[in-house]
């Protein structure tokens, strides 16, 4: 017991994560995806300046193009994190891991499909509030689960 609180990590290790921890992880990941998008725009602007010699400026993307580019970056970020480590940096911070419903690591195709569903329908996370298994709509469709996991498998 530290500061009057009990460390609940061992008690919930391996259990399905709830809405609060998943939301914290997703907000962190959203910020990191935003930073990646900003870095991509900055890199493009620097490249254009170096190659053409034109005054430095960030590209002015049309709405559909910018949204599509940001969505692709988000899908790649999420799918890569879930495939390689079972977690994104946001999930790592919150002590969460994405696995198949069987408990096995998520294969690349399933991770990509889950990522597309998360980007297209982020409100699917709200289903966790009514699900007895703390499953989002994406978890139900792709047969995945988000577990508390502070380990480093």
C-alpha atoms as a PDB file:
ATOM      1  CA  UNK A   1       0.000   0.000   0.000  1.00  0.00           C
ATOM      2  CA  UNK A   2       1.493   3.317  -1.113  1.00  0.00           C
ATOM      3  CA  UNK A   3      -0.107   6.597  -0.138  1.00  0.00           C
ATOM      4  CA  UNK A   4      -3.294   4.886   1.020  1.00  0.00           C
ATOM      5  CA  UNK A   5      -3.929   3.071  -2.269  1.00  0.00           C
ATOM      6  CA  UNK A   6      -3.589  -0.580  -3.102  1.00  0.00           C
ATOM      7  CA  UNK A   7      -1.710  -1.755  -6.200  1.00  0.00           C
ATOM      8  CA  UNK A   8      -4.464  -3.538  -8.153  1.00  0.00           C
ATOM      9  CA  UNK A   9      -2.192  -4.635 -11.013  1.00  0.00           C
ATOM     10  CA  UNK A  10      -1.730  -8.252  -9.854  1.00  0.00           C
ATOM     11  CA  UNK A  11      -5.464  -8.625  -9.179  1.00  0.00           C
ATOM     12  CA  UNK A  12      -6.547  -7.561 -12.669  1.00  0.00           C
ATOM     13  CA  UNK A  13      -3.608  -8.928 -14.689  1.00  0.00           C
ATOM     14  CA  UNK A  14      -5.039 -10.901 -17.630  1.00  0.00           C
ATOM     15  CA  UNK A  15      -8.592  -9.604 -17.189  1.00  0.00           C
ATOM     16  CA  UNK A  16     -10.414  -7.670 -19.878  1.00  0.00           C
ATOM     17  CA  UNK A  17      -9.791  -3.941 -19.715  1.00  0.00           C
ATOM     18  CA  UNK A  18     -12.543  -1.462 -19.017  1.00  0.00           C
ATOM     19  CA  UNK A  19     -13.532   1.778 -20.681  1.00  0.00           C
ATOM     20  CA  UNK A  20     -11.375   4.128 -18.584  1.00  0.00           C
ATOM     21  CA  UNK A  21      -8.014   2.484 -19.234  1.00  0.00           C
ATOM     22  CA  UNK A  22      -8.862   1.879 -22.895  1.00  0.00           C
ATOM     23  CA  UNK A  23      -9.865   5.520 -23.346  1.00  0.00           C
ATOM     24  CA  UNK A  24      -6.647   6.751 -21.734  1.00  0.00           C
ATOM     25  CA  UNK A  25      -4.625   4.522 -24.065  1.00  0.00           C
ATOM     26  CA  UNK A  26      -6.605   5.647 -27.119  1.00  0.00           C
ATOM     27  CA  UNK A  27      -6.210   9.349 -26.293  1.00  0.00           C
ATOM     28  CA  UNK A  28      -2.441   8.878 -26.005  1.00  0.00           C
ATOM     29  CA  UNK A  29      -2.389   7.008 -29.319  1.00  0.00           C
ATOM     30  CA  UNK A  30      -4.492   9.725 -30.962  1.00  0.00           C
ATOM     31  CA  UNK A  31      -1.955  12.324 -29.861  1.00  0.00           C
ATOM     32  CA  UNK A  32       0.915  10.231 -31.197  1.00  0.00           C
ATOM     33  CA  UNK A  33      -0.842   9.713 -34.536  1.00  0.00           C
ATOM     34  CA  UNK A  34      -1.372  13.474 -34.716  1.00  0.00           C
ATOM     35  CA  UNK A  35       2.342  13.985 -34.077  1.00  0.00           C
ATOM     36  CA  UNK A  36       3.179  11.475 -36.827  1.00  0.00           C
ATOM     37  CA  UNK A  37       0.893  13.311 -39.254  1.00  0.00           C
ATOM     38  CA  UNK A  38       2.485  16.644 -38.354  1.00  0.00           C
ATOM     39  CA  UNK A  39       5.942  15.132 -38.807  1.00  0.00           C
ATOM     40  CA  UNK A  40       4.944  13.783 -42.238  1.00  0.00           C
ATOM     41  CA  UNK A  41       3.738  17.230 -43.317  1.00  0.00           C
ATOM     42  CA  UNK A  42       6.900  18.864 -41.988  1.00  0.00           C
ATOM     43  CA  UNK A  43       9.091  16.302 -43.764  1.00  0.00           C
ATOM     44  CA  UNK A  44       7.215  16.899 -47.008  1.00  0.00           C
ATOM     45  CA  UNK A  45       7.618  20.657 -46.650  1.00  0.00           C
ATOM     46  CA  UNK A  46      11.356  20.358 -45.966  1.00  0.00           C
ATOM     47  CA  UNK A  47      11.762  17.971 -48.899  1.00  0.00           C
ATOM     48  CA  UNK A  48       9.927  20.335 -51.212  1.00  0.00           C
ATOM     49  CA  UNK A  49      12.089  23.237 -50.030  1.00  0.00           C
ATOM     50  CA  UNK A  50      15.325  21.290 -50.555  1.00  0.00           C
ATOM     51  CA  UNK A  51      14.368  19.917 -53.978  1.00  0.00           C
ATOM     52  CA  UNK A  52      12.641  22.931 -55.555  1.00  0.00           C
ATOM     53  CA  UNK A  53      14.175  25.836 -53.664  1.00  0.00           C
ATOM     54  CA  UNK A  54      10.715  27.349 -53.271  1.00  0.00           C
ATOM     55  CA  UNK A  55      10.013  29.172 -49.990  1.00  0.00           C
ATOM     56  CA  UNK A  56       9.381  26.753 -47.139  1.00  0.00           C
ATOM     57  CA  UNK A  57       5.690  26.006 -46.616  1.00  0.00           C
ATOM     58  CA  UNK A  58       3.700  23.128 -45.262  1.00  0.00           C
ATOM     59  CA  UNK A  59       1.525  21.488 -47.899  1.00  0.00           C
ATOM     60  CA  UNK A  60      -2.083  22.604 -48.049  1.00  0.00           C
ATOM     61  CA  UNK A  61      -3.953  19.320 -48.336  1.00  0.00           C
ATOM     62  CA  UNK A  62      -7.543  19.198 -49.535  1.00  0.00           C
ATOM     63  CA  UNK A  63      -9.933  17.908 -46.864  1.00  0.00           C
ATOM     64  CA  UNK A  64     -10.480  14.408 -48.282  1.00  0.00           C
ATOM     65  CA  UNK A  65      -6.771  13.964 -48.981  1.00  0.00           C
ATOM     66  CA  UNK A  66      -5.694  15.044 -45.525  1.00  0.00           C
ATOM     67  CA  UNK A  67      -8.277  12.868 -43.818  1.00  0.00           C
ATOM     68  CA  UNK A  68      -7.338   9.880 -45.962  1.00  0.00           C
ATOM     69  CA  UNK A  69      -3.641  10.382 -45.269  1.00  0.00           C
ATOM     70  CA  UNK A  70      -4.207  10.729 -41.542  1.00  0.00           C
ATOM     71  CA  UNK A  71      -6.429   7.658 -41.547  1.00  0.00           C
ATOM     72  CA  UNK A  72      -3.780   5.621 -43.347  1.00  0.00           C
ATOM     73  CA  UNK A  73      -1.144   6.697 -40.844  1.00  0.00           C
ATOM     74  CA  UNK A  74      -3.485   5.771 -37.967  1.00  0.00           C
ATOM     75  CA  UNK A  75      -4.281   2.346 -39.449  1.00  0.00           C
ATOM     76  CA  UNK A  76      -0.593   1.621 -40.018  1.00  0.00           C
ATOM     77  CA  UNK A  77       0.335   2.780 -36.510  1.00  0.00           C
ATOM     78  CA  UNK A  78      -2.345   0.677 -34.811  1.00  0.00           C
ATOM     79  CA  UNK A  79      -1.893  -2.442 -36.939  1.00  0.00           C
ATOM     80  CA  UNK A  80       1.894  -2.389 -36.565  1.00  0.00           C
ATOM     81  CA  UNK A  81       1.696  -1.973 -32.795  1.00  0.00           C
ATOM     82  CA  UNK A  82      -0.833  -4.778 -32.333  1.00  0.00           C
ATOM     83  CA  UNK A  83       1.001  -7.129 -34.701  1.00  0.00           C
ATOM     84  CA  UNK A  84       4.556  -6.555 -33.468  1.00  0.00           C
ATOM     85  CA  UNK A  85       4.071  -6.101 -29.725  1.00  0.00           C
ATOM     86  CA  UNK A  86       0.371  -6.628 -29.045  1.00  0.00           C
ATOM     87  CA  UNK A  87       0.187  -3.013 -27.976  1.00  0.00           C
ATOM     88  CA  UNK A  88       0.709   0.537 -29.106  1.00  0.00           C
ATOM     89  CA  UNK A  89       2.590   3.064 -26.968  1.00  0.00           C
ATOM     90  CA  UNK A  90      -0.742   4.213 -25.519  1.00  0.00           C
ATOM     91  CA  UNK A  91      -1.675   0.652 -24.576  1.00  0.00           C
ATOM     92  CA  UNK A  92       1.826   0.164 -23.126  1.00  0.00           C
ATOM     93  CA  UNK A  93       1.357   3.240 -20.922  1.00  0.00           C
ATOM     94  CA  UNK A  94      -2.026   1.989 -19.699  1.00  0.00           C
ATOM     95  CA  UNK A  95      -0.792  -1.585 -19.166  1.00  0.00           C
ATOM     96  CA  UNK A  96      -2.968  -3.113 -21.876  1.00  0.00           C
ATOM     97  CA  UNK A  97      -2.442  -5.704 -24.601  1.00  0.00           C
ATOM     98  CA  UNK A  98      -4.596  -6.617 -27.621  1.00  0.00           C
ATOM     99  CA  UNK A  99      -4.902 -10.364 -28.220  1.00  0.00           C
ATOM    100  CA  UNK A 100      -7.126 -12.736 -30.166  1.00  0.00           C
ATOM    101  CA  UNK A 101     -10.132 -13.983 -28.209  1.00  0.00           C
ATOM    102  CA  UNK A 102      -8.163 -17.229 -27.780  1.00  0.00           C
ATOM    103  CA  UNK A 103      -5.388 -15.292 -26.006  1.00  0.00           C
ATOM    104  CA  UNK A 104      -2.913 -15.679 -28.855  1.00  0.00           C
ATOM    105  CA  UNK A 105      -1.124 -12.725 -30.478  1.00  0.00           C
ATOM    106  CA  UNK A 106      -3.098 -10.886 -33.156  1.00  0.00           C
ATOM    107  CA  UNK A 107      -1.969 -11.791 -36.707  1.00  0.00           C
ATOM    108  CA  UNK A 108      -1.238  -8.957 -39.146  1.00  0.00           C
ATOM    109  CA  UNK A 109      -4.421  -9.307 -41.211  1.00  0.00           C
ATOM    110  CA  UNK A 110      -6.691  -9.309 -38.192  1.00  0.00           C
ATOM    111  CA  UNK A 111      -4.772  -6.392 -36.649  1.00  0.00           C
ATOM    112  CA  UNK A 112      -5.168  -4.412 -39.888  1.00  0.00           C
ATOM    113  CA  UNK A 113      -8.906  -5.124 -40.031  1.00  0.00           C
ATOM    114  CA  UNK A 114      -9.306  -4.123 -36.382  1.00  0.00           C
ATOM    115  CA  UNK A 115      -7.333  -0.930 -37.044  1.00  0.00           C
ATOM    116  CA  UNK A 116      -9.537  -0.021 -40.029  1.00  0.00           C
ATOM    117  CA  UNK A 117     -12.659  -0.589 -37.919  1.00  0.00           C
ATOM    118  CA  UNK A 118     -11.255   1.514 -35.067  1.00  0.00           C
ATOM    119  CA  UNK A 119     -10.436   4.405 -37.406  1.00  0.00           C
ATOM    120  CA  UNK A 120     -13.753   4.268 -39.300  1.00  0.00           C
ATOM    121  CA  UNK A 121     -15.947   3.725 -36.234  1.00  0.00           C
ATOM    122  CA  UNK A 122     -14.193   4.975 -33.084  1.00  0.00           C
ATOM    123  CA  UNK A 123     -17.497   5.103 -31.189  1.00  0.00           C
ATOM    124  CA  UNK A 124     -17.470   1.301 -31.256  1.00  0.00           C
ATOM    125  CA  UNK A 125     -15.400   1.582 -28.087  1.00  0.00           C
ATOM    126  CA  UNK A 126     -18.532   2.714 -26.237  1.00  0.00           C
ATOM    127  CA  UNK A 127     -19.937  -0.820 -26.495  1.00  0.00           C
ATOM    128  CA  UNK A 128     -17.525  -1.683 -23.655  1.00  0.00           C
ATOM    129  CA  UNK A 129     -19.945   0.163 -21.342  1.00  0.00           C
ATOM    130  CA  UNK A 130     -22.732  -2.387 -21.921  1.00  0.00           C
ATOM    131  CA  UNK A 131     -20.738  -5.504 -22.765  1.00  0.00           C
ATOM    132  CA  UNK A 132     -20.391  -8.096 -20.002  1.00  0.00           C
ATOM    133  CA  UNK A 133     -17.036  -9.053 -21.552  1.00  0.00           C
ATOM    134  CA  UNK A 134     -15.791  -5.443 -21.871  1.00  0.00           C
ATOM    135  CA  UNK A 135     -15.732  -5.906 -25.645  1.00  0.00           C
ATOM    136  CA  UNK A 136     -15.894  -3.074 -28.157  1.00  0.00           C
ATOM    137  CA  UNK A 137     -17.750  -3.480 -31.441  1.00  0.00           C
ATOM    138  CA  UNK A 138     -14.347  -3.981 -33.087  1.00  0.00           C
ATOM    139  CA  UNK A 139     -13.473  -6.742 -30.604  1.00  0.00           C
ATOM    140  CA  UNK A 140     -16.727  -8.548 -31.381  1.00  0.00           C
ATOM    141  CA  UNK A 141     -16.327  -8.281 -35.160  1.00  0.00           C
ATOM    142  CA  UNK A 142     -12.648  -9.285 -35.275  1.00  0.00           C
ATOM    143  CA  UNK A 143     -12.698 -11.650 -32.255  1.00  0.00           C
ATOM    144  CA  UNK A 144     -10.107  -9.820 -30.178  1.00  0.00           C
ATOM    145  CA  UNK A 145      -9.849  -8.744 -26.559  1.00  0.00           C
ATOM    146  CA  UNK A 146      -7.979  -6.010 -24.710  1.00  0.00           C
ATOM    147  CA  UNK A 147      -6.429  -7.304 -21.500  1.00  0.00           C
ATOM    148  CA  UNK A 148      -4.641  -5.768 -18.568  1.00  0.00           C
ATOM    149  CA  UNK A 149      -1.043  -6.864 -19.059  1.00  0.00           C
ATOM    150  CA  UNK A 150       1.956  -5.177 -17.496  1.00  0.00           C
ATOM    151  CA  UNK A 151       4.301  -7.966 -18.586  1.00  0.00           C
ATOM    152  CA  UNK A 152       6.942  -7.727 -21.300  1.00  0.00           C
ATOM    153  CA  UNK A 153       6.329 -10.975 -23.195  1.00  0.00           C
END
